[in-house]
Amino acid sequence: MQQVFTNGIRISYSRSGGGKPVLLVMGSSSPGRVWTTHQTPALARAGYESVTFDNRGVPPSDAPPGKYTLDDMVADTKGLIDALDLAPCRIVGTSLGSMIAQELAIQSPGSVRCAVLLGTRGRADEFRRAEVTAQRALIESGVRMPPAYEAFVSVLQMLSPATRNDEEKVERWLDLFELSAPGHTAAGQAWADIVSDRREELRKVSAPCRVISFTDDVITPPALCAEVADAIPDCDLVEIPSCGHLGYLERPQEVNASIIEFLDKH
C-alpha cells in the first residue's frame, strides 16, 4: 500500500494491472481490497489499471475522531485523484462509494470522465431512513454486538434469498462475515449524509454514467437505483438478478461484464 496526504489525512491506496486507470470507491466500513476478490482481476484482463483505496476511517488510512460528512469523503477522493493525476477519471463505486462518486461528479465535473454506480440511490425512503437512524443509534449506544450476531445481520441485509437458502454458500458467508466483522472501526462514516434528496442536483451531472442495481437489494432497492438513472441526463440502468447489496460479490461475472462493457464505450 502507498499513501498520499490529502484533505488533512493520509489515504492508503494500491494500483494493479496496466492500461487506462479506473478508480474504485468502496462502500461503508469496508477496505478497498474487497475489490481485489473479483473486480480488479477482471479489469486487468480487460486492459485497465485498477486504483483502490481505503476511505477515511478504514485502516491503514487515517481514522480521525468524530463524525464524517459526505463532503469530507468526496474531498478525500478528489484529493487522491489530483495527487495521482487521474482526472478526468473513470470511476466505479458501490453503495456509499457510489454516492461519493455522484457527489464528485456534481461538485467537480472535471474530475470524472465516466462512472459506474453500483447499489446507489439519490434519496432515502422511509424504511432506508429508519435503517440509517438505527445504525447511528447503535453506534452512539456503545453496544458492541457479538461477531456471530453481526454476521447473521450482514447476511440478512446484504445477500439474496438465493444465497441465504443455499446451505453450503450461506455457511461460507457467515464464517467470512464473522471473521471480518468491523465493529465500530469506521463509525464516523455512519454520519455521511446518504438520506437527503439529491435528485435535482444529479440532473447537473454531465459525465456519462451507468447505474447497476441488484434485484434483491434491501439497502438500495432497484426502484431507488432507477431514480438515480432517471435523474442523471446521460445514464443507463442495468439490473442484475438473484443478488443483494453485495451483488458484485454474489454475481461477479455479470457485474464485471457490465462494468467493462460500459468502460470500453467511454
Protein backbone atom coordinates (compact mmCIF):
# COMPACT_ATOMS: atom_id res chain seq x y z
CA MET A 1 0.00 0.00 0.00
CA GLN A 2 1.11 3.52 -0.79
CA GLN A 3 -0.16 6.72 0.81
CA VAL A 4 -1.00 10.27 -0.14
CA PHE A 5 -1.68 13.14 2.22
CA THR A 6 -4.82 15.00 1.21
CA ASN A 7 -7.64 16.90 2.88
CA GLY A 8 -5.73 16.77 6.16
CA ILE A 9 -5.41 12.97 6.35
CA ARG A 10 -3.40 10.09 4.91
CA ILE A 11 -5.19 7.91 2.37
CA SER A 12 -3.77 4.47 1.59
CA TYR A 13 -4.12 3.22 -1.95
CA SER A 14 -2.92 0.48 -4.28
CA ARG A 15 -2.51 0.16 -8.04
CA SER A 16 -2.66 -3.04 -10.09
CA GLY A 17 -2.89 -4.04 -13.71
CA GLY A 18 -1.98 -1.84 -16.63
CA GLY A 19 -3.71 0.43 -19.09
CA LYS A 20 -6.28 3.15 -18.61
CA PRO A 21 -6.79 3.79 -14.86
CA VAL A 22 -10.08 3.09 -13.09
CA LEU A 23 -10.67 4.37 -9.55
CA LEU A 24 -12.78 2.01 -7.43
CA VAL A 25 -14.57 3.51 -4.41
CA MET A 26 -15.68 1.08 -1.72
CA GLY A 27 -18.79 1.25 0.46
CA SER A 28 -19.28 1.75 4.19
CA SER A 29 -16.72 0.29 6.59
CA SER A 30 -15.11 -2.00 4.01
CA PRO A 31 -11.48 -1.89 2.87
CA GLY A 32 -10.56 -1.26 -0.73
CA ARG A 33 -9.06 -4.74 -1.02
CA VAL A 34 -12.59 -6.16 -1.30
CA TRP A 35 -12.42 -5.12 -4.96
CA THR A 36 -9.46 -7.46 -5.49
CA THR A 37 -11.60 -10.58 -4.99
CA HIS A 38 -13.31 -10.25 -8.38
CA GLN A 39 -13.19 -6.78 -9.92
CA THR A 40 -9.51 -5.86 -10.23
CA PRO A 41 -8.52 -9.17 -11.89
CA ALA A 42 -11.35 -8.75 -14.43
CA LEU A 43 -10.33 -5.15 -15.11
CA ALA A 44 -6.70 -6.20 -15.59
CA ARG A 45 -7.74 -8.85 -18.13
CA ALA A 46 -9.73 -6.18 -19.95
CA GLY A 47 -6.69 -3.89 -20.15
CA TYR A 48 -7.36 -1.49 -17.30
CA GLU A 49 -5.31 -0.39 -14.30
CA SER A 50 -7.23 -0.51 -11.01
CA VAL A 51 -6.69 2.09 -8.29
CA THR A 52 -8.22 1.00 -4.99
CA PHE A 53 -8.06 2.82 -1.67
CA ASP A 54 -9.31 2.78 1.91
CA ASN A 55 -11.79 5.51 2.75
CA ARG A 56 -11.20 7.59 5.88
CA GLY A 57 -11.99 5.52 8.94
CA VAL A 58 -10.67 2.29 7.41
CA PRO A 59 -7.06 1.48 8.37
CA PRO A 60 -4.38 1.90 7.19
CA SER A 61 -5.94 5.19 6.01
CA ASP A 62 -6.36 7.65 8.84
CA ALA A 63 -9.41 7.40 11.07
CA PRO A 64 -9.82 10.87 12.57
CA PRO A 65 -12.20 11.08 15.51
CA GLY A 66 -15.70 12.42 15.10
CA LYS A 67 -18.47 12.23 12.54
CA TYR A 68 -17.58 12.34 8.85
CA THR A 69 -19.59 14.23 6.27
CA LEU A 70 -20.18 13.08 2.73
CA ASP A 71 -18.30 16.20 1.61
CA ASP A 72 -15.29 15.05 3.69
CA MET A 73 -15.20 11.79 1.77
CA VAL A 74 -15.76 13.48 -1.59
CA ALA A 75 -12.84 15.81 -0.86
CA ASP A 76 -10.67 12.82 0.11
CA THR A 77 -11.46 11.14 -3.18
CA LYS A 78 -10.84 14.27 -5.24
CA GLY A 79 -7.56 14.76 -3.42
CA LEU A 80 -6.46 11.25 -4.34
CA ILE A 81 -7.47 11.81 -7.98
CA ASP A 82 -5.47 15.05 -8.06
CA ALA A 83 -2.45 13.56 -6.29
CA LEU A 84 -2.28 10.66 -8.75
CA ASP A 85 -3.09 12.85 -11.77
CA LEU A 86 -6.08 10.69 -12.74
CA ALA A 87 -8.52 13.41 -13.85
CA PRO A 88 -10.74 13.10 -15.75
CA CYS A 89 -11.19 9.75 -14.10
CA ARG A 90 -13.13 6.56 -14.81
CA ILE A 91 -14.84 5.68 -11.53
CA VAL A 92 -16.60 2.59 -10.21
CA GLY A 93 -18.33 2.94 -6.84
CA THR A 94 -20.56 0.80 -4.71
CA SER A 95 -23.09 1.85 -2.05
CA LEU A 96 -21.56 4.78 -0.13
CA GLY A 97 -18.79 4.73 -2.73
CA SER A 98 -21.36 5.33 -5.47
CA MET A 99 -22.78 8.27 -3.55
CA ILE A 100 -19.28 9.69 -3.21
CA ALA A 101 -18.84 9.31 -6.97
CA GLN A 102 -22.18 11.01 -7.66
CA GLU A 103 -21.31 13.99 -5.47
CA LEU A 104 -17.87 14.23 -7.05
CA ALA A 105 -19.50 14.37 -10.50
CA ILE A 106 -21.82 17.15 -9.25
CA GLN A 107 -19.18 19.21 -7.43
CA SER A 108 -16.14 18.63 -9.65
CA PRO A 109 -17.23 17.62 -13.14
CA GLY A 110 -13.70 17.95 -14.48
CA SER A 111 -12.61 15.10 -12.19
CA VAL A 112 -14.97 12.49 -13.66
CA ARG A 113 -14.75 11.06 -17.18
CA CYS A 114 -17.48 8.46 -16.59
CA ALA A 115 -18.90 6.49 -13.66
CA VAL A 116 -20.44 3.12 -12.89
CA LEU A 117 -22.66 3.32 -9.82
CA LEU A 118 -23.42 0.01 -8.08
CA GLY A 119 -26.20 -0.19 -5.50
CA THR A 120 -26.81 3.54 -5.29
CA ARG A 121 -29.63 5.96 -4.53
CA GLY A 122 -30.40 9.65 -4.76
CA ARG A 123 -32.53 9.77 -1.61
CA ALA A 124 -33.68 7.56 1.25
CA ASP A 125 -37.28 6.43 1.55
CA GLU A 126 -38.85 5.99 4.99
CA PHE A 127 -37.57 2.44 5.52
CA ARG A 128 -33.99 3.22 4.43
CA ARG A 129 -34.06 6.38 6.59
CA ALA A 130 -35.03 4.22 9.58
CA GLU A 131 -32.10 1.89 8.84
CA VAL A 132 -29.62 4.78 8.94
CA THR A 133 -31.17 6.15 12.16
CA ALA A 134 -30.98 2.73 13.80
CA GLN A 135 -27.35 2.25 12.80
CA ARG A 136 -26.37 5.61 14.27
CA ALA A 137 -28.29 4.88 17.47
CA LEU A 138 -26.46 1.57 17.88
CA ILE A 139 -23.08 3.24 17.45
CA GLU A 140 -23.90 6.01 19.91
CA SER A 141 -25.13 3.48 22.47
CA GLY A 142 -21.65 1.99 22.69
CA VAL A 143 -23.10 -1.52 22.45
CA ARG A 144 -20.87 -3.97 20.56
CA MET A 145 -22.77 -6.90 19.12
CA PRO A 146 -21.03 -10.31 19.13
CA PRO A 147 -19.36 -11.06 15.77
CA ALA A 148 -21.67 -14.04 15.20
CA TYR A 149 -24.70 -11.77 15.51
CA GLU A 150 -23.17 -9.13 13.22
CA ALA A 151 -22.50 -11.88 10.68
CA PHE A 152 -26.12 -13.01 10.78
CA VAL A 153 -27.41 -9.45 10.29
CA SER A 154 -24.96 -8.85 7.45
CA VAL A 155 -26.10 -11.96 5.59
CA LEU A 156 -29.73 -10.93 6.09
CA GLN A 157 -29.14 -7.36 4.86
CA MET A 158 -26.54 -7.84 2.16
CA LEU A 159 -27.26 -11.10 0.35
CA SER A 160 -30.08 -12.52 -1.73
CA PRO A 161 -32.54 -15.28 -0.73
CA ALA A 162 -30.81 -17.45 -3.34
CA THR A 163 -27.61 -17.30 -1.28
CA ARG A 164 -29.29 -17.43 2.14
CA ASN A 165 -31.19 -20.59 1.15
CA ASP A 166 -28.11 -22.38 -0.14
CA GLU A 167 -26.74 -24.13 2.94
CA GLU A 168 -23.20 -24.52 1.61
CA LYS A 169 -22.91 -20.93 0.40
CA VAL A 170 -24.50 -19.33 3.45
CA GLU A 171 -22.19 -21.22 5.79
CA ARG A 172 -19.17 -19.76 4.00
CA TRP A 173 -20.64 -16.27 4.05
CA LEU A 174 -21.47 -16.45 7.75
CA ASP A 175 -17.90 -17.53 8.52
CA LEU A 176 -16.50 -14.75 6.34
CA PHE A 177 -18.63 -12.03 7.92
CA GLU A 178 -17.88 -13.26 11.43
CA LEU A 179 -14.14 -13.18 10.81
CA SER A 180 -14.27 -9.73 9.24
CA ALA A 181 -16.86 -8.07 11.49
CA PRO A 182 -15.62 -4.44 11.62
CA GLY A 183 -17.35 -3.38 14.82
CA HIS A 184 -17.23 0.41 15.02
CA THR A 185 -13.83 0.88 13.35
CA ALA A 186 -15.27 3.17 10.68
CA ALA A 187 -18.08 4.53 12.84
CA GLY A 188 -17.56 8.10 11.63
CA GLN A 189 -18.75 7.09 8.16
CA ALA A 190 -22.25 6.44 9.53
CA TRP A 191 -22.87 10.22 9.64
CA ALA A 192 -22.20 10.80 5.96
CA ASP A 193 -25.46 12.15 4.54
CA ILE A 194 -26.92 9.33 2.44
CA VAL A 195 -30.56 10.20 3.13
CA SER A 196 -31.09 13.68 1.64
CA ASP A 197 -32.84 14.00 -1.72
CA ARG A 198 -30.15 14.76 -4.32
CA ARG A 199 -32.18 14.07 -7.45
CA GLU A 200 -32.30 17.68 -8.62
CA GLU A 201 -28.55 18.05 -8.11
CA LEU A 202 -27.96 14.82 -10.03
CA ARG A 203 -29.50 16.49 -13.08
CA LYS A 204 -26.32 18.60 -13.23
CA VAL A 205 -24.07 15.56 -13.81
CA SER A 206 -22.50 15.83 -17.27
CA ALA A 207 -20.41 12.64 -17.23
CA PRO A 208 -21.90 9.51 -18.81
CA CYS A 209 -22.95 7.05 -16.11
CA ARG A 210 -24.32 3.56 -15.68
CA VAL A 211 -26.35 2.51 -12.64
CA ILE A 212 -26.23 -1.18 -11.75
CA SER A 213 -28.95 -2.38 -9.40
CA PHE A 214 -29.49 -5.76 -7.76
CA THR A 215 -32.94 -7.33 -7.68
CA ASP A 216 -32.85 -8.42 -4.02
CA ASP A 217 -31.06 -5.37 -2.60
CA VAL A 218 -32.75 -4.14 0.60
CA ILE A 219 -30.29 -1.26 1.19
CA THR A 220 -30.55 0.36 -2.24
CA PRO A 221 -33.50 -1.39 -3.91
CA PRO A 222 -33.90 -1.27 -7.70
CA ALA A 223 -36.60 1.42 -7.53
CA LEU A 224 -34.25 3.85 -5.76
CA CYS A 225 -31.41 2.99 -8.13
CA ALA A 226 -33.72 3.71 -11.06
CA GLU A 227 -34.37 7.20 -9.68
CA VAL A 228 -30.65 7.97 -9.97
CA ALA A 229 -30.56 6.70 -13.56
CA ASP A 230 -33.61 8.83 -14.37
CA ALA A 231 -32.09 11.96 -12.84
CA ILE A 232 -28.65 11.84 -14.49
CA PRO A 233 -29.02 13.07 -18.09
CA ASP A 234 -26.63 10.59 -19.75
CA CYS A 235 -27.20 7.42 -17.74
CA ASP A 236 -28.43 3.91 -18.40
CA LEU A 237 -29.64 1.25 -15.99
CA VAL A 238 -28.71 -2.42 -15.69
CA GLU A 239 -30.38 -4.78 -13.21
CA ILE A 240 -28.58 -7.94 -12.13
CA PRO A 241 -30.92 -10.73 -10.94
CA SER A 242 -30.71 -13.02 -7.91
CA CYS A 243 -28.34 -10.96 -5.79
CA GLY A 244 -28.45 -8.49 -2.93
CA HIS A 245 -26.48 -5.38 -1.96
CA LEU A 246 -23.20 -7.25 -2.44
CA GLY A 247 -24.13 -8.22 -5.96
CA TYR A 248 -20.58 -7.55 -7.17
CA LEU A 249 -19.52 -10.45 -4.92
CA GLU A 250 -22.58 -12.66 -5.38
CA ARG A 251 -22.76 -12.34 -9.18
CA PRO A 252 -19.32 -11.04 -10.14
CA GLN A 253 -19.23 -12.30 -13.72
CA GLU A 254 -22.40 -10.45 -14.69
CA VAL A 255 -21.41 -7.30 -12.79
CA ASN A 256 -17.88 -7.26 -14.20
CA ALA A 257 -19.17 -7.74 -17.75
CA SER A 258 -21.50 -4.76 -17.32
CA ILE A 259 -18.75 -2.57 -15.83
CA ILE A 260 -16.24 -3.39 -18.57
CA GLU A 261 -18.76 -3.05 -21.41
CA PHE A 262 -19.54 0.48 -20.17
CA LEU A 263 -15.91 1.48 -19.61
CA ASP A 264 -14.98 0.26 -23.08
CA LYS A 265 -17.53 2.72 -24.52
CA HIS A 266 -16.09 5.66 -22.62
